[in-house]
């Protein structure tokens, strides 16, 4: 009987090498290192969701429980029956929607002007705007409140909207992205007969989708989660945002943890949906700008 010869140190075929390389990619050591870090960040979110399905008595039990013994939705029912949560969500949607839309229009136009247009005082104006980033927001609240009071905007929904119409960070982000685009594209647009606005609208802006998506995420997060300024400027419950309304569930003597956790879950859902919709563009911008 003839035996099959054994070839030692055989060189694998190119197809086998490619197959092995594809199989090993998902198991990079970096993934094993980052998984525990990801669990640390995900744990508070998971615990918030689990707590929202507990009763108030079970939440206050000592030692604390991590899993609900009998899941219930009393917190969610109380959120929409005992408190005007829908109105708070509507106010937050108006504030965040207006903030995102105005940021996309104003910051992209200002960023393009500082990046491409040549006019006197361009550098001084841009540096002045950037310098405002270094001023703490808390220092600006008193003069802003006095100005809004004289304009009759205090205790209205406009008080929460106006400060989010534009931002120095948004102008800086858009300017840096426009500077990374080759000027030959704009020259080609002008040769085709486009005006300055036509070049901006038809050539530059379609290429700026990753930066616009990133600006949308940052503006949505900031305006939706803003609590300090609405707490100062708004006292009428009709104009409460969702974050300001949820803050009222906390008191010096009693906190309704069931409704508070349920409200936080409801308030977090729009942000998660918004991030999922634009995450590809967001990651593309982080890669291009070197922030990843």
Protein backbone atom coordinates (compact mmCIF):
# COMPACT_ATOMS: atom_id res chain seq x y z
CA UNK A 1 0.00 0.00 0.00
CA UNK A 2 1.42 3.36 -1.05
CA UNK A 3 1.33 6.20 1.51
CA UNK A 4 0.70 9.85 0.61
CA UNK A 5 3.95 11.84 0.74
CA UNK A 6 4.02 14.64 3.38
CA UNK A 7 5.39 17.96 2.17
CA UNK A 8 6.95 19.94 5.00
CA UNK A 9 7.06 23.78 5.02
CA UNK A 10 4.65 23.92 2.11
CA UNK A 11 3.91 27.47 0.89
CA UNK A 12 0.13 28.19 0.95
CA UNK A 13 -1.53 29.19 -2.27
CA UNK A 14 -2.53 32.88 -2.76
CA UNK A 15 -6.23 31.98 -2.36
CA UNK A 16 -5.52 30.28 0.98
CA UNK A 17 -3.48 33.25 2.23
CA UNK A 18 -6.25 35.70 1.33
CA UNK A 19 -8.86 33.46 3.02
CA UNK A 20 -6.79 33.28 6.23
CA UNK A 21 -6.24 37.05 6.22
CA UNK A 22 -9.97 37.72 5.85
CA UNK A 23 -10.73 35.32 8.69
CA UNK A 24 -8.28 37.02 11.06
CA UNK A 25 -9.36 40.66 10.46
CA UNK A 26 -12.38 40.66 12.85
CA UNK A 27 -10.20 39.43 15.73
CA UNK A 28 -7.69 42.24 15.90
CA UNK A 29 -6.07 42.68 19.35
CA UNK A 30 -7.35 46.27 19.35
CA UNK A 31 -10.91 44.98 19.37
CA UNK A 32 -10.19 42.85 22.43
CA UNK A 33 -8.73 45.91 24.17
CA UNK A 34 -11.60 48.22 23.26
CA UNK A 35 -14.42 45.85 24.20
CA UNK A 36 -14.04 46.35 28.00
CA UNK A 37 -13.82 50.12 27.45
CA UNK A 38 -17.03 50.03 25.41
CA UNK A 39 -18.77 48.06 28.16
CA UNK A 40 -17.85 50.76 30.69
CA UNK A 41 -19.55 53.42 28.55
CA UNK A 42 -22.58 51.27 27.68
CA UNK A 43 -23.27 50.12 31.27
CA UNK A 44 -24.92 53.41 32.49
CA UNK A 45 -27.21 53.46 29.43
CA UNK A 46 -28.25 49.82 29.94
CA UNK A 47 -28.79 50.39 33.67
CA UNK A 48 -30.94 53.47 32.91
CA UNK A 49 -33.14 51.40 30.59
CA UNK A 50 -33.47 48.56 33.12
CA UNK A 51 -34.26 50.99 35.94
CA UNK A 52 -37.02 52.60 33.88
CA UNK A 53 -38.92 49.27 34.06
CA UNK A 54 -38.74 49.09 37.88
CA UNK A 55 -41.26 50.44 40.37
CA UNK A 56 -40.25 53.29 42.69
CA UNK A 57 -40.21 50.90 45.69
CA UNK A 58 -37.91 48.47 43.87
CA UNK A 59 -35.55 51.25 42.78
CA UNK A 60 -35.16 52.44 46.39
CA UNK A 61 -34.43 48.90 47.66
CA UNK A 62 -31.08 48.35 49.41
CA UNK A 63 -28.88 46.68 48.28
CA UNK A 64 -29.74 48.02 44.81
CA UNK A 65 -31.01 45.64 42.15
CA UNK A 66 -29.71 45.65 38.59
CA UNK A 67 -32.56 43.70 37.00
CA UNK A 68 -36.29 44.38 37.46
CA UNK A 69 -38.02 41.50 39.28
CA UNK A 70 -41.31 42.18 37.46
CA UNK A 71 -40.88 44.64 34.54
CA UNK A 72 -43.55 47.33 34.38
CA UNK A 73 -44.16 50.55 32.48
CA UNK A 74 -45.68 52.66 35.28
CA UNK A 75 -42.91 55.22 34.85
CA UNK A 76 -43.68 55.68 31.15
CA UNK A 77 -47.43 55.90 31.83
CA UNK A 78 -46.90 58.48 34.58
CA UNK A 79 -44.56 60.46 32.34
CA UNK A 80 -47.29 61.08 29.76
CA UNK A 81 -50.33 61.22 32.10
CA UNK A 82 -49.06 63.08 35.16
CA UNK A 83 -46.69 65.44 33.32
CA UNK A 84 -46.91 67.29 29.96
CA UNK A 85 -44.05 65.28 28.49
CA UNK A 86 -45.39 65.51 24.94
CA UNK A 87 -45.38 69.31 25.15
CA UNK A 88 -41.83 69.27 26.51
CA UNK A 89 -40.73 66.99 23.67
CA UNK A 90 -42.42 69.29 21.15
CA UNK A 91 -40.63 72.34 22.58
CA UNK A 92 -37.29 70.52 22.44
CA UNK A 93 -37.97 69.45 18.87
CA UNK A 94 -38.70 73.06 17.86
CA UNK A 95 -35.54 74.33 19.58
CA UNK A 96 -33.29 71.57 18.19
CA UNK A 97 -34.81 71.68 14.69
CA UNK A 98 -34.42 75.46 14.45
CA UNK A 99 -30.88 75.25 15.81
CA UNK A 100 -29.81 72.59 13.31
CA UNK A 101 -31.38 74.40 10.33
CA UNK A 102 -29.92 77.79 11.24
CA UNK A 103 -26.50 76.27 11.91
CA UNK A 104 -26.46 74.56 8.51
CA UNK A 105 -27.34 77.83 6.74
CA UNK A 106 -25.43 80.44 8.73
CA UNK A 107 -22.30 78.47 9.69
CA UNK A 108 -21.78 77.04 6.20
CA UNK A 109 -22.16 80.49 4.60
CA UNK A 110 -19.86 82.15 7.15
CA UNK A 111 -17.33 79.31 6.94
CA UNK A 112 -17.20 79.57 3.14
CA UNK A 113 -16.78 83.33 3.33
CA UNK A 114 -13.85 83.09 5.75
CA UNK A 115 -12.26 80.24 3.75
CA UNK A 116 -12.57 81.47 0.15
CA UNK A 117 -13.64 85.10 -0.11
CA UNK A 118 -11.11 87.90 0.12
CA UNK A 119 -12.22 91.02 2.02
CA UNK A 120 -10.73 93.50 4.45
CA UNK A 121 -10.67 92.34 8.08
CA UNK A 122 -11.22 88.69 7.21
CA UNK A 123 -8.50 87.33 9.51
CA UNK A 124 -9.34 89.73 12.36
CA UNK A 125 -13.02 88.86 12.15
CA UNK A 126 -12.34 85.13 12.12
CA UNK A 127 -9.90 85.30 15.06
CA UNK A 128 -12.42 87.39 17.01
CA UNK A 129 -15.08 84.72 16.48
CA UNK A 130 -12.69 81.93 17.44
CA UNK A 131 -11.69 83.83 20.60
CA UNK A 132 -15.29 83.63 21.85
CA UNK A 133 -14.91 79.84 22.14
CA UNK A 134 -12.52 80.37 25.04
CA UNK A 135 -15.08 82.39 27.05
CA UNK A 136 -17.01 80.14 29.49
CA UNK A 137 -20.72 80.03 28.76
CA UNK A 138 -21.51 80.80 32.41
CA UNK A 139 -19.84 84.22 32.11
CA UNK A 140 -22.13 85.17 29.23
CA UNK A 141 -25.38 84.23 30.95
CA UNK A 142 -25.91 87.41 32.98
CA UNK A 143 -25.37 89.89 30.08
CA UNK A 144 -27.40 87.61 27.80
CA UNK A 145 -30.23 87.47 30.33
CA UNK A 146 -30.23 91.28 30.69
CA UNK A 147 -30.31 91.71 26.90
CA UNK A 148 -33.11 89.17 26.48
CA UNK A 149 -35.08 90.80 29.31
CA UNK A 150 -34.94 94.19 27.58
CA UNK A 151 -36.05 92.56 24.32
CA UNK A 152 -38.96 90.81 26.05
CA UNK A 153 -37.69 87.31 25.20
CA UNK A 154 -37.31 85.99 28.76
CA UNK A 155 -39.78 83.26 29.72
CA UNK A 156 -40.61 82.47 26.09
CA UNK A 157 -39.55 79.64 23.80
CA UNK A 158 -37.48 82.15 21.81
CA UNK A 159 -35.17 82.46 24.81
CA UNK A 160 -34.10 78.83 24.27
CA UNK A 161 -33.89 79.16 20.45
CA UNK A 162 -31.95 82.40 19.84
CA UNK A 163 -28.62 81.38 21.52
CA UNK A 164 -28.51 78.30 19.26
CA UNK A 165 -28.95 80.08 15.92
CA UNK A 166 -25.20 80.01 15.26
CA UNK A 167 -21.93 79.17 17.00
CA UNK A 168 -18.22 79.91 16.65
CA UNK A 169 -17.43 76.19 16.64
CA UNK A 170 -19.77 75.62 13.70
CA UNK A 171 -18.13 78.41 11.68
CA UNK A 172 -14.67 77.04 12.52
CA UNK A 173 -15.64 73.47 11.54
CA UNK A 174 -17.09 74.51 8.18
CA UNK A 175 -14.18 76.84 7.37
CA UNK A 176 -11.63 74.11 7.98
CA UNK A 177 -13.55 71.71 5.75
CA UNK A 178 -13.88 74.26 2.92
CA UNK A 179 -10.13 74.93 3.10
CA UNK A 180 -9.48 71.22 2.44
CA UNK A 181 -11.37 71.31 -0.87
CA UNK A 182 -9.27 71.96 -4.03
CA UNK A 183 -9.83 75.41 -5.49
CA UNK A 184 -9.79 73.93 -9.02
CA UNK A 185 -13.36 72.75 -8.48
CA UNK A 186 -14.51 76.32 -7.89
CA UNK A 187 -12.51 77.55 -10.89
CA UNK A 188 -14.28 74.96 -13.05
CA UNK A 189 -17.64 76.22 -11.78
CA UNK A 190 -16.77 79.83 -12.60
CA UNK A 191 -15.66 78.81 -16.09
CA UNK A 192 -19.09 77.24 -16.56
CA UNK A 193 -20.66 80.61 -15.73
CA UNK A 194 -21.58 80.20 -12.05
CA UNK A 195 -21.58 83.25 -9.78
CA UNK A 196 -19.98 83.16 -6.31
CA UNK A 197 -23.26 82.01 -4.78
CA UNK A 198 -23.71 79.50 -7.61
CA UNK A 199 -20.28 77.99 -6.93
CA UNK A 200 -21.11 77.77 -3.23
CA UNK A 201 -24.58 76.28 -3.77
CA UNK A 202 -23.96 73.95 -6.72
CA UNK A 203 -20.29 72.94 -6.37
CA UNK A 204 -19.04 73.38 -2.81
CA UNK A 205 -22.09 72.63 -0.68
CA UNK A 206 -22.82 69.17 -2.21
CA UNK A 207 -19.23 68.18 -1.40
CA UNK A 208 -19.65 69.32 2.21
CA UNK A 209 -22.21 66.67 3.22
CA UNK A 210 -19.82 64.96 5.72
CA UNK A 211 -19.09 68.28 7.46
CA UNK A 212 -22.77 69.25 7.44
CA UNK A 213 -23.68 65.88 8.98
CA UNK A 214 -21.07 66.39 11.70
CA UNK A 215 -22.36 69.89 12.39
CA UNK A 216 -25.89 68.47 12.60
CA UNK A 217 -24.85 65.90 15.21
CA UNK A 218 -22.99 68.41 17.41
CA UNK A 219 -25.78 71.00 17.19
CA UNK A 220 -28.49 68.42 17.88
CA UNK A 221 -26.65 67.09 20.92
CA UNK A 222 -25.95 70.55 22.32
CA UNK A 223 -29.38 72.09 21.81
CA UNK A 224 -31.36 68.98 22.84
CA UNK A 225 -29.36 68.40 26.05
CA UNK A 226 -29.07 72.06 27.04
CA UNK A 227 -30.34 72.50 30.59
CA UNK A 228 -28.48 75.39 32.25
CA UNK A 229 -29.63 78.27 30.01
CA UNK A 230 -33.33 77.18 29.85
CA UNK A 231 -33.19 76.80 33.65
CA UNK A 232 -32.14 80.46 33.91
CA UNK A 233 -34.33 81.98 31.18
CA UNK A 234 -37.58 79.98 31.36
CA UNK A 235 -39.90 79.59 34.36
CA UNK A 236 -43.24 79.12 32.57
CA UNK A 237 -44.00 75.38 32.39
CA UNK A 238 -45.60 75.81 28.95
CA UNK A 239 -42.16 76.51 27.44
CA UNK A 240 -40.18 73.86 29.29
CA UNK A 241 -37.86 71.73 27.17
CA UNK A 242 -37.67 68.00 27.90
CA UNK A 243 -34.45 68.36 29.90
CA UNK A 244 -35.88 71.20 31.98
CA UNK A 245 -39.09 69.24 32.59
CA UNK A 246 -37.20 66.11 33.68
CA UNK A 247 -35.13 68.18 36.11
CA UNK A 248 -38.34 68.96 38.00
CA UNK A 249 -38.70 65.28 38.91
CA UNK A 250 -35.71 65.75 41.20
CA UNK A 251 -36.34 67.45 44.52
CA UNK A 252 -34.44 68.08 47.78
CA UNK A 253 -36.73 65.65 49.67
CA UNK A 254 -38.08 63.26 47.02
CA UNK A 255 -37.07 62.14 43.55
CA UNK A 256 -39.38 60.14 41.30
CA UNK A 257 -36.70 57.84 39.90
CA UNK A 258 -39.12 55.72 37.87
CA UNK A 259 -40.48 58.69 35.88
CA UNK A 260 -37.03 60.28 35.73
CA UNK A 261 -35.40 57.18 34.21
CA UNK A 262 -38.33 56.67 31.82
CA UNK A 263 -38.09 60.30 30.73
CA UNK A 264 -34.36 60.00 30.14
CA UNK A 265 -34.91 56.95 27.94
CA UNK A 266 -37.55 58.82 25.91
CA UNK A 267 -35.30 61.90 25.65
CA UNK A 268 -32.34 59.81 24.48
CA UNK A 269 -34.13 58.01 21.65
CA UNK A 270 -34.18 60.98 19.19
CA UNK A 271 -30.43 61.47 19.64
CA UNK A 272 -29.69 57.80 18.97
CA UNK A 273 -31.89 57.83 15.86
CA UNK A 274 -30.23 61.02 14.60
CA UNK A 275 -26.74 59.61 15.10
CA UNK A 276 -27.60 56.34 13.34
CA UNK A 277 -28.89 58.28 10.33
CA UNK A 278 -25.73 60.34 9.83
CA UNK A 279 -23.02 58.16 11.41
CA UNK A 280 -21.30 57.35 8.11
CA UNK A 281 -20.92 61.01 7.18
CA UNK A 282 -19.85 61.81 10.76
CA UNK A 283 -17.05 59.20 10.74
CA UNK A 284 -15.96 60.36 7.27
CA UNK A 285 -15.49 63.91 8.54
CA UNK A 286 -13.58 62.75 11.61
CA UNK A 287 -11.25 60.77 9.33
CA UNK A 288 -10.69 63.63 6.90
CA UNK A 289 -10.00 66.18 9.63
CA UNK A 290 -7.68 63.88 11.54
CA UNK A 291 -9.87 63.89 14.67
CA UNK A 292 -10.47 60.13 14.60
